[in-house]
Protein backbone atom coordinates (compact mmCIF):
# COMPACT_ATOMS: atom_id res chain seq x y z
CA MET A 1 -0.52 0.17 0.18
CA THR A 2 3.05 2.58 0.83
CA VAL A 3 4.52 1.57 -2.00
CA THR A 4 1.43 2.48 -4.57
CA ARG A 5 0.58 5.98 -2.25
CA ASP A 6 4.22 6.86 -3.52
CA PHE A 7 3.89 5.87 -6.67
CA ALA A 8 1.10 8.23 -6.84
CA TRP A 9 2.68 10.63 -5.44
CA PHE A 10 5.31 10.36 -7.96
CA LEU A 11 3.48 10.40 -10.17
CA GLY A 12 1.52 14.28 -9.20
CA GLU A 13 4.41 15.61 -8.70
CA LEU A 14 5.86 14.57 -11.93
CA ALA A 15 1.98 15.54 -14.18
CA ALA A 16 2.73 18.87 -11.43
CA LEU A 17 6.52 19.75 -12.98
CA ALA A 18 5.05 18.87 -16.33
CA HIS A 19 2.23 21.49 -15.85
CA ILE A 20 4.68 23.87 -14.67
CA VAL A 21 7.14 23.93 -17.63
CA ILE A 22 4.17 24.05 -20.31
CA ALA A 23 2.93 26.81 -19.18
CA ALA A 24 5.94 28.62 -18.53
CA GLY A 25 6.95 27.47 -22.07
CA VAL A 26 3.68 28.56 -23.33
CA THR A 27 4.23 31.42 -21.36
CA VAL A 28 7.97 32.34 -22.88
CA HIS A 29 6.53 32.13 -26.30
CA VAL A 30 3.72 34.58 -26.18
CA LEU A 31 5.95 37.06 -24.20
CA LEU A 32 8.04 36.84 -27.72
CA ASN A 33 5.55 36.97 -30.61
CA LYS A 34 2.16 38.28 -29.27
CA ARG A 35 2.03 42.05 -29.22
CA ASN A 36 -1.91 42.10 -28.61
CA VAL A 37 -2.03 42.38 -25.04
CA GLY A 38 -5.51 40.59 -24.05
CA THR A 39 -4.88 38.06 -26.67
CA SER A 40 -1.56 37.95 -24.60
CA ILE A 41 -2.91 37.28 -20.67
CA SER A 42 -5.68 35.03 -21.89
CA TRP A 43 -2.90 32.91 -23.67
CA MET A 44 -0.67 32.95 -20.21
CA GLY A 45 -4.00 32.26 -17.87
CA ILE A 46 -5.54 29.64 -20.56
CA ALA A 47 -2.20 27.64 -19.95
CA TRP A 48 -1.65 27.93 -16.32
CA LEU A 49 -5.07 27.62 -15.46
CA SER A 50 -5.71 24.51 -17.33
CA PRO A 51 -3.26 22.52 -17.47
CA PHE A 52 -2.06 20.18 -20.68
CA VAL A 53 -5.04 21.50 -21.95
CA GLY A 54 -4.58 24.99 -22.07
CA GLY A 55 -1.23 23.81 -23.75
CA VAL A 56 -2.87 22.16 -26.47
CA LEU A 57 -4.80 24.92 -27.21
CA TYR A 58 -2.09 27.19 -27.68
CA TYR A 59 0.14 25.08 -29.85
CA ALA A 60 -3.28 24.46 -32.17
CA PHE A 61 -5.32 27.69 -32.19
CA GLY A 62 -1.82 30.47 -30.88
CA VAL A 63 1.37 29.09 -32.14
CA ASN A 64 1.60 30.53 -36.08
CA ARG A 65 3.94 28.48 -38.05
CA VAL A 66 3.43 30.39 -41.18
CA LYS A 67 6.78 30.87 -42.69
CA ARG A 68 6.15 32.47 -46.26
CA ARG A 69 9.36 35.06 -45.90
CA ALA A 70 11.70 32.74 -48.17
CA LEU A 71 9.75 31.45 -50.06
CA ARG A 72 8.13 34.87 -51.66
CA LEU A 73 8.05 35.12 -55.12
CA ARG A 74 11.36 35.63 -57.14
CA ARG A 75 11.61 37.34 -60.23
CA GLU A 76 11.95 40.22 -61.91
CA ARG A 77 9.17 43.02 -60.62
CA THR A 78 8.33 46.06 -63.00
CA HIS A 79 6.44 47.68 -59.83
CA MET A 80 8.37 47.99 -56.85
CA PHE A 81 7.72 51.23 -54.86
CA LEU A 82 10.10 54.03 -54.93
CA VAL A 83 9.66 56.44 -52.03
CA ASP A 84 10.15 59.07 -54.35
CA GLU A 85 7.60 58.02 -56.26
CA VAL A 86 5.69 60.08 -54.33
CA ALA A 87 5.89 63.21 -52.76
CA PRO A 88 2.69 64.28 -50.19
CA ASP A 89 4.48 68.13 -49.50
CA ALA A 90 5.51 68.83 -53.77
CA PRO A 91 3.17 71.31 -55.72
CA GLU A 92 0.86 69.04 -57.82
CA ALA A 93 -0.29 66.68 -54.68
CA GLY A 94 -3.64 66.35 -53.71
CA PRO A 95 -5.85 65.79 -51.13
CA LEU A 96 -5.09 61.58 -51.09
CA THR A 97 -1.53 61.62 -51.87
CA PRO A 98 -0.46 60.98 -48.03
CA LEU A 99 -2.85 58.29 -48.38
CA GLU A 100 -1.02 57.34 -52.28
CA TYR A 101 2.11 57.53 -49.91
CA ALA A 102 1.86 55.42 -46.97
CA ILE A 103 0.05 52.53 -48.92
CA GLY A 104 2.90 52.32 -51.19
CA ARG A 105 5.32 52.42 -48.21
CA LEU A 106 3.24 50.01 -46.84
CA THR A 107 3.22 47.39 -49.04
CA GLY A 108 6.09 47.92 -51.49
CA LEU A 109 4.40 48.32 -54.62
CA SER A 110 3.40 50.82 -57.04
CA ALA A 111 0.29 52.17 -57.71
CA GLU A 112 -0.52 50.80 -61.20
CA PRO A 113 -2.42 53.58 -63.88
CA GLY A 114 -4.16 52.65 -67.28
CA ASN A 115 -6.78 49.94 -65.71
CA ARG A 116 -10.59 48.78 -67.08
CA ILE A 117 -12.15 47.59 -63.79
CA GLU A 118 -15.59 46.08 -64.27
CA LEU A 119 -18.23 45.64 -61.48
CA ILE A 120 -20.10 42.32 -61.75
CA ARG A 121 -23.41 41.67 -59.41
CA ASN A 122 -23.99 38.30 -57.67
CA GLY A 123 -22.36 34.40 -59.51
CA ASP A 124 -25.52 35.35 -61.94
CA ASN A 125 -23.38 37.73 -64.01
CA ALA A 126 -20.01 36.60 -62.63
CA TYR A 127 -20.14 32.99 -62.81
CA PRO A 128 -21.18 33.26 -67.01
CA ALA A 129 -18.20 36.33 -67.28
CA MET A 130 -15.60 33.97 -65.23
CA LEU A 131 -17.28 31.13 -67.41
CA ALA A 132 -15.94 32.38 -70.35
CA ALA A 133 -12.95 33.85 -69.57
CA ILE A 134 -11.69 30.66 -68.68
CA ASP A 135 -12.68 28.91 -72.13
CA ALA A 136 -11.24 31.14 -74.32
CA ALA A 137 -7.97 30.69 -72.25
CA GLU A 138 -5.16 30.17 -74.50
CA LYS A 139 -1.98 30.24 -71.64
CA SER A 140 -2.48 29.91 -68.43
CA VAL A 141 -5.83 29.96 -65.30
CA GLY A 142 -5.15 30.29 -61.94
CA LEU A 143 -8.08 30.93 -59.76
CA CYS A 144 -8.01 30.77 -55.58
CA SER A 145 -11.44 30.22 -54.05
CA TYR A 146 -12.39 30.03 -49.99
CA ILE A 147 -15.38 27.85 -51.21
CA PHE A 148 -15.72 25.79 -54.05
CA ARG A 149 -18.87 23.16 -54.48
CA ASP A 150 -18.98 20.88 -56.64
CA ASP A 151 -23.28 22.10 -57.65
CA GLU A 152 -24.71 23.70 -59.81
CA ALA A 153 -22.76 26.76 -59.26
CA GLY A 154 -19.35 24.40 -59.13
CA LEU A 155 -20.09 21.74 -61.90
CA PRO A 156 -19.73 24.05 -65.02
CA PHE A 157 -15.84 25.16 -63.65
CA ILE A 158 -14.42 22.16 -62.85
CA GLU A 159 -16.07 21.21 -66.35
CA ALA A 160 -14.29 24.48 -67.79
CA LEU A 161 -10.30 24.45 -66.13
CA ILE A 162 -10.82 20.15 -67.33
CA ARG A 163 -11.45 21.25 -70.81
CA ALA A 164 -8.88 24.22 -70.92
CA HIS A 165 -5.69 21.54 -69.14
CA ARG A 166 -6.40 18.74 -71.54
CA ARG A 167 -5.93 21.99 -74.05
CA GLY A 168 -2.71 22.41 -72.55
CA VAL A 169 -3.21 25.29 -70.98
CA GLN A 170 -1.45 25.95 -67.46
CA VAL A 171 -4.24 25.26 -64.76
CA ARG A 172 -3.74 25.57 -61.16
CA VAL A 173 -6.56 25.65 -58.44
CA LEU A 174 -6.24 26.81 -54.84
CA ILE A 175 -9.35 25.95 -52.54
CA ASP A 176 -9.16 26.56 -48.96
CA GLY A 177 -8.22 23.28 -46.73
CA ILE A 178 -11.21 24.33 -44.38
CA GLY A 179 -13.79 26.11 -46.67
CA GLY A 180 -13.69 24.31 -49.20
CA GLY A 181 -14.36 21.38 -47.10
CA TYR A 182 -12.15 19.48 -44.68
CA PHE A 183 -13.26 15.92 -44.52
CA ARG A 184 -14.05 16.08 -48.11
CA SER A 185 -14.16 18.25 -50.93
CA GLY A 186 -16.15 16.92 -54.72
CA THR A 187 -14.50 19.93 -56.20
CA TYR A 188 -10.49 19.00 -55.37
CA ILE A 189 -11.40 14.71 -56.01
CA ARG A 190 -12.77 15.15 -59.79
CA LEU A 191 -9.74 17.75 -60.95
CA HIS A 192 -7.56 15.75 -59.76
CA GLU A 193 -9.13 12.40 -60.93
CA ALA A 194 -8.85 14.64 -64.15
CA GLY A 195 -4.57 15.46 -63.46
CA VAL A 196 -5.36 19.27 -63.40
CA PRO A 197 -2.75 20.34 -60.53
CA VAL A 198 -5.45 21.04 -57.55
CA ASP A 199 -4.28 22.01 -53.62
CA ARG A 200 -6.13 22.53 -50.06
CA PHE A 201 -4.40 25.21 -48.62
CA LEU A 202 -2.81 24.37 -45.52
CA HIS A 203 -4.88 21.27 -44.99
CA SER A 204 -3.65 18.35 -43.34
CA TYR A 205 -6.20 15.22 -41.43
CA VAL A 206 -3.20 15.65 -39.40
CA PRO A 207 -3.09 17.74 -36.97
CA TRP A 208 0.22 17.98 -36.16
CA LYS A 209 0.97 18.67 -39.49
CA THR A 210 -1.17 22.04 -40.08
CA PRO A 211 1.16 24.45 -39.40
CA PHE A 212 -2.50 26.96 -38.09
CA LEU A 213 -5.65 25.37 -37.49
CA ASN A 214 -7.42 29.13 -37.23
CA LEU A 215 -6.22 30.02 -40.55
CA ARG A 216 -8.56 30.91 -43.68
CA ASN A 217 -7.41 31.20 -47.87
CA HIS A 218 -10.41 33.62 -47.97
CA ARG A 219 -8.95 35.82 -51.50
CA LYS A 220 -11.25 34.93 -54.11
CA LEU A 221 -9.48 35.79 -57.71
CA MET A 222 -9.14 34.02 -60.86
CA VAL A 223 -6.48 34.97 -62.85
CA VAL A 224 -6.31 34.05 -66.89
CA ASP A 225 -3.35 34.47 -69.48
CA GLY A 226 -1.68 36.65 -67.65
CA ARG A 227 -3.82 39.51 -67.95
CA THR A 228 -7.41 39.13 -67.04
CA ALA A 229 -8.17 38.86 -63.72
CA PHE A 230 -11.24 38.96 -61.50
CA THR A 231 -11.62 38.82 -57.71
CA GLY A 232 -14.32 40.40 -55.46
CA GLY A 233 -16.55 38.95 -52.52
CA ILE A 234 -17.99 35.67 -54.58
CA ASN A 235 -17.43 32.34 -53.62
CA ILE A 236 -18.26 29.82 -55.75
CA GLY A 237 -20.91 28.17 -55.35
CA HIS A 238 -25.76 27.49 -55.47
CA GLU A 239 -25.92 30.34 -52.79
CA ASN A 240 -25.24 33.26 -55.06
CA LEU A 241 -26.70 31.97 -58.24
CA LEU A 242 -30.27 33.72 -57.25
CA ALA A 243 -32.06 33.37 -60.35
CA THR A 244 -32.71 30.06 -59.07
CA ASN A 245 -33.99 30.41 -55.44
CA PRO A 246 -31.31 29.01 -53.82
CA ALA A 247 -32.73 27.97 -50.13
CA HIS A 248 -30.06 30.17 -48.45
CA PRO A 249 -29.54 33.02 -51.10
CA VAL A 250 -26.56 35.52 -50.53
CA ARG A 251 -26.14 38.24 -53.12
CA ASP A 252 -22.41 39.51 -53.22
CA THR A 253 -20.15 41.95 -55.93
CA HIS A 254 -17.14 40.40 -57.45
CA PHE A 255 -15.62 43.08 -60.51
CA ARG A 256 -13.13 42.07 -63.49
CA LEU A 257 -9.82 44.03 -63.93
CA ASP A 258 -8.00 44.36 -67.17
CA GLY A 259 -4.90 46.39 -67.64
CA PRO A 260 -1.09 46.14 -65.81
CA ILE A 261 -2.97 45.94 -62.05
CA VAL A 262 -3.27 42.08 -63.27
CA GLU A 263 0.53 41.55 -62.49
CA GLN A 264 0.19 41.99 -59.04
CA LEU A 265 -2.40 40.09 -58.69
CA THR A 266 -0.64 37.32 -61.19
CA GLU A 267 1.88 37.50 -58.61
CA ALA A 268 -0.35 36.92 -55.14
CA PHE A 269 -1.87 34.04 -57.18
CA ALA A 270 1.66 32.10 -57.80
CA ASP A 271 3.30 33.76 -53.98
CA ASP A 272 0.04 31.46 -52.60
CA TRP A 273 0.53 28.74 -55.13
CA LEU A 274 4.25 28.26 -54.54
CA TYR A 275 4.10 28.14 -50.70
CA GLU A 276 1.78 25.38 -51.48
CA THR A 277 3.38 23.23 -54.05
CA GLY A 278 7.12 24.88 -53.88
CA GLU A 279 6.65 25.07 -57.90
CA ARG A 280 7.07 28.63 -59.12
CA LEU A 281 4.94 30.21 -61.70
CA LEU A 282 7.37 32.43 -63.72
CA ASP A 283 6.83 32.05 -67.67
CA ASP A 284 5.49 34.17 -70.02
CA ALA A 285 2.26 32.14 -69.77
CA TRP A 286 1.35 34.08 -66.26
CA PHE A 287 3.42 37.13 -66.36
CA PRO A 288 3.01 38.76 -70.36
CA ASP A 289 3.79 42.65 -71.29
CA LEU A 290 0.70 44.73 -70.16
CA HIS A 291 -0.53 47.47 -72.04
CA PRO A 292 -2.35 49.87 -70.90
CA VAL A 293 -6.39 49.47 -71.81
CA GLY A 294 -8.18 51.77 -68.86
CA THR A 295 -8.15 55.23 -66.60
CA ALA A 296 -8.16 53.40 -62.94
CA VAL A 297 -5.27 53.53 -60.57
CA ALA A 298 -5.49 50.69 -58.95
CA ARG A 299 -2.69 48.39 -56.76
CA VAL A 300 -3.40 44.82 -55.01
CA VAL A 301 -2.88 44.97 -51.00
CA THR A 302 -3.01 41.26 -49.78
CA SER A 303 -2.78 40.19 -45.14
CA GLY A 304 -2.39 37.82 -43.97
CA PRO A 305 -0.74 35.82 -41.05
CA ASP A 306 3.18 36.41 -42.39
CA GLU A 307 5.16 39.06 -43.55
CA ASP A 308 1.64 41.15 -44.53
CA LEU A 309 -0.17 40.84 -41.24
CA GLU A 310 -2.67 43.89 -40.83
CA GLN A 311 -2.04 45.33 -43.91
CA ILE A 312 -5.06 45.48 -45.13
CA GLU A 313 -6.46 47.08 -41.73
CA PHE A 314 -3.69 49.72 -41.48
CA VAL A 315 -4.37 50.88 -45.37
CA MET A 316 -8.17 51.01 -44.19
CA LEU A 317 -6.81 53.56 -41.18
CA HIS A 318 -4.61 55.22 -43.22
CA ALA A 319 -8.09 55.74 -45.28
CA ILE A 320 -10.39 56.83 -42.93
CA SER A 321 -7.76 59.77 -41.55
CA CYS A 322 -7.52 61.09 -45.25
CA ALA A 323 -11.48 61.44 -45.66
CA ARG A 324 -12.80 64.87 -45.98
CA ARG A 325 -15.80 64.53 -46.96
CA SER A 326 -17.31 61.09 -46.72
CA ILE A 327 -16.21 56.62 -45.64
CA ARG A 328 -18.77 54.60 -46.61
CA VAL A 329 -17.90 51.24 -45.77
CA VAL A 330 -20.14 48.02 -47.13
CA THR A 331 -19.40 44.70 -45.40
CA PRO A 332 -21.16 41.49 -44.41
CA TYR A 333 -20.11 41.06 -40.99
CA PHE A 334 -18.81 44.19 -38.84
CA LEU A 335 -16.80 43.55 -35.52
CA PRO A 336 -13.21 45.75 -36.26
CA PRO A 337 -10.52 46.16 -34.39
CA ASP A 338 -11.32 48.74 -31.65
CA MET A 339 -8.61 51.36 -33.57
CA LEU A 340 -11.17 51.26 -36.27
CA THR A 341 -13.86 51.75 -34.61
CA THR A 342 -12.71 54.66 -32.90
CA ALA A 343 -11.48 56.11 -36.01
CA LEU A 344 -14.43 56.49 -38.13
CA GLY A 345 -16.33 58.01 -35.04
CA LEU A 346 -13.44 60.72 -35.23
CA ALA A 347 -14.16 60.98 -38.68
CA ALA A 348 -17.76 61.16 -37.81
CA MET A 349 -17.01 64.13 -35.27
CA ARG A 350 -14.43 66.37 -37.63
CA GLY A 351 -17.87 66.47 -39.84
CA VAL A 352 -16.64 63.54 -42.08
CA THR A 353 -20.29 61.79 -43.38
CA VAL A 354 -19.75 58.16 -42.22
CA ASP A 355 -22.12 55.93 -43.57
CA VAL A 356 -21.68 52.14 -42.46
CA VAL A 357 -23.88 49.41 -44.49
CA VAL A 358 -24.12 45.61 -43.13
CA PRO A 359 -26.88 43.57 -43.22
CA GLU A 360 -29.96 43.53 -40.97
CA ASN A 361 -29.37 39.20 -40.87
CA SER A 362 -25.74 38.02 -41.81
CA ASN A 363 -25.24 33.95 -41.77
CA HIS A 364 -24.33 33.92 -37.78
CA THR A 365 -26.13 35.37 -35.41
CA LEU A 366 -23.59 35.30 -33.30
CA LEU A 367 -21.79 38.17 -34.97
CA ASP A 368 -24.97 39.60 -35.21
CA TRP A 369 -24.78 39.64 -31.65
CA ALA A 370 -21.56 40.62 -31.14
CA ARG A 371 -21.92 43.72 -33.53
CA GLY A 372 -24.06 45.71 -31.40
CA VAL A 373 -21.24 46.78 -29.72
CA PRO A 374 -19.48 48.27 -32.11
CA LEU A 375 -22.36 49.40 -33.95
CA ARG A 376 -23.71 51.98 -30.92
CA ILE A 377 -20.27 53.35 -30.45
CA LEU A 378 -20.75 54.52 -33.69
CA LEU A 379 -24.21 56.06 -33.63
CA GLU A 380 -23.33 57.87 -30.06
CA ALA A 381 -20.01 58.97 -31.99
CA GLY A 382 -22.88 60.69 -34.82
CA CYS A 383 -21.65 58.32 -38.41
CA ARG A 384 -25.27 56.72 -39.99
CA VAL A 385 -25.53 52.46 -39.96
CA TRP A 386 -28.12 51.24 -42.87
CA LEU A 387 -29.45 47.85 -42.57
CA LEU A 388 -29.86 45.71 -45.63
CA PRO A 389 -32.68 43.66 -45.96
CA ALA A 390 -32.56 39.85 -47.15
CA PRO A 391 -30.91 38.27 -49.33
CA PHE A 392 -27.96 38.25 -47.41
CA ASP A 393 -25.50 40.77 -48.81
CA HIS A 394 -21.59 39.49 -49.20
CA SER A 395 -20.55 42.30 -50.69
CA LYS A 396 -16.86 44.24 -49.12
CA LEU A 397 -15.95 47.56 -50.59
CA MET A 398 -14.77 50.60 -49.28
CA MET A 399 -15.34 54.47 -50.23
CA ILE A 400 -13.33 57.67 -49.29
CA ASP A 401 -14.50 60.77 -50.67
CA GLU A 402 -15.81 59.59 -53.97
CA ALA A 403 -12.66 59.22 -55.28
CA TRP A 404 -10.79 56.16 -53.71
CA SER A 405 -12.02 52.71 -53.12
CA LEU A 406 -10.78 49.74 -51.79
CA ILE A 407 -12.89 46.34 -53.00
CA GLY A 408 -11.89 42.47 -52.08
CA SER A 409 -12.27 39.75 -50.06
CA ALA A 410 -11.33 41.56 -46.56
CA ASN A 411 -14.83 41.50 -43.76
CA TRP A 412 -14.48 44.41 -40.81
CA ASP A 413 -13.18 41.67 -38.71
CA ILE A 414 -10.31 40.62 -36.42
CA ARG A 415 -10.52 37.18 -38.90
CA SER A 416 -10.23 39.33 -42.07
CA PHE A 417 -7.86 41.72 -40.86
CA ARG A 418 -5.32 38.89 -38.62
CA LEU A 419 -6.27 35.45 -39.66
CA ASN A 420 -7.43 34.96 -42.98
CA PHE A 421 -5.33 35.31 -46.31
CA GLU A 422 -7.09 38.47 -47.86
CA LEU A 423 -6.64 40.43 -51.40
CA ASN A 424 -8.08 43.98 -51.38
CA VAL A 425 -7.46 46.17 -54.69
CA GLU A 426 -7.36 49.59 -53.81
CA ILE A 427 -8.34 51.55 -57.16
CA GLN A 428 -8.60 55.54 -57.69
CA ASP A 429 -11.13 56.33 -60.50
CA GLU A 430 -13.91 58.71 -59.72
CA ALA A 431 -16.28 57.54 -61.71
CA PHE A 432 -16.01 53.50 -60.22
CA ALA A 433 -16.38 55.11 -56.44
CA ARG A 434 -19.74 56.87 -57.63
CA THR A 435 -20.68 53.34 -59.06
CA LEU A 436 -19.37 51.19 -56.14
CA ALA A 437 -21.30 54.09 -54.26
CA GLU A 438 -25.06 52.86 -55.49
CA VAL A 439 -24.17 48.92 -54.54
CA ALA A 440 -26.30 47.80 -51.46
CA SER A 441 -27.61 51.38 -51.09
CA ASN A 442 -31.33 50.17 -50.20
CA GLY A 443 -30.98 49.76 -46.10
CA ARG A 444 -32.78 51.17 -44.46
CA LEU A 445 -31.24 53.74 -41.16
CA LEU A 446 -30.19 51.84 -37.72
CA THR A 447 -31.57 55.03 -35.01
CA LEU A 448 -29.74 55.38 -31.54
CA ALA A 449 -33.13 54.95 -30.16
CA GLU A 450 -33.79 51.78 -31.23
CA VAL A 451 -30.11 49.54 -30.00
CA GLU A 452 -30.65 51.86 -26.65
CA SER A 453 -34.52 50.26 -26.47
CA ALA A 454 -32.95 46.84 -26.49
CA SER A 455 -33.38 44.38 -23.34
CA LEU A 456 -31.49 43.98 -20.45
CA ILE A 457 -31.21 40.20 -21.69
CA GLN A 458 -30.32 41.52 -25.52
CA ARG A 459 -27.53 43.78 -24.26
CA LEU A 460 -25.66 40.67 -21.91
CA ARG A 461 -26.33 38.60 -24.92
CA ASP A 462 -24.64 41.24 -27.33
CA ASN A 463 -21.69 42.22 -24.30
CA ALA A 464 -20.73 38.44 -23.84
CA ALA A 465 -21.03 37.21 -27.62
CA ARG A 466 -18.65 40.52 -28.45
CA LEU A 467 -16.13 38.34 -25.57
CA LEU A 468 -15.32 36.14 -28.22
CA GLN A 469 -14.64 38.84 -30.86
CA PRO A 470 -11.08 37.31 -31.86
CA TYR A 471 -12.27 33.93 -32.22
CA LEU A 472 -15.59 34.85 -34.63
């Protein structure tokens, strides 16, 4: 009996020692690698108060093991930003020149003139245009999508990609490892069986081989022959075909881009493909000589939990600070970092007209509850909040002074700003900005009185949901 008690005591001491070592290791890693104070305290608390479980959770969800800097696409860029390209204090500088200078410093890319941008609403219009581009492809097709279903919407894409591959076009398809179906991706299976080069981004059935369980490639991008690109908010799925009356319809906005900006978009796809597969896409099939075809000035802004961390968030902050007349934000989810909420409120206080447009009901009820707190802050500061009726609108747009726009895949939430790989494009074109302002403009105003009339139970629910903000 004494031997048994001694052995149990030894195991207890060993377990306690192991817990201290693991918790101390988590603490050291957090202190060296985490910048957000609240997140740091949370992870350290979990590690110390939840023996072993806390360490496992931190390893799975808290350690960013994505290392892409050494694997960036190496090619002779024609669009590198030079510090003397823009001079904010030059005589010819305009009101948005400081913004352009800041974005150039942030991204390292130049703003490319001579582009044509076409707005396309919903899958009903976007899918036929994209399919026609695939069928017309002569040299290359690169497609990256967060969701790519093998359903009524996805099957025509699968068939078109297979046709292109069989006629000798270099086809490369990248599907997110979670959004595209973690346990089974019918699209991946069909393309793989047909011999089309396809991969699943950050996907592994073995958890310890997955770089970071909480990361997503949320980009929606297709580049054809290195000359034409499609990007925006639309995934590939039946819910985007409104004409077919799907059970859960999704409105969205997508864009076709032609001109020199396509080089930057192709490079963004090639970087993702290189990271996931190790294959470099460098030849003329992907990077041909491009010439001006329109009047819009554009530049790609990527972000992700690697060297591009928080780039899109910082671009938005710069844009808000430079706005003189108006700011319009359209997003399906509104749970931004406090800095962005504060910046919008301060802009309204200095006389800028600030409009935030969100769905009255999104497809995530918990997110709708959590957004109540930041929306109330905006209303108190004098911003206008518009609620869009059904069907759910998934568009992600931002306009400044009806002259500068930001389009792409990023939502206004922590996940898009800190965890997802996202791709946006800034566009300088007044006519295009005015066209964007007409999108998602049929909502109703949310009033501060309506927010203040919420019951105590509702306010407690909303504030509790907001505590989950870093994980939503």
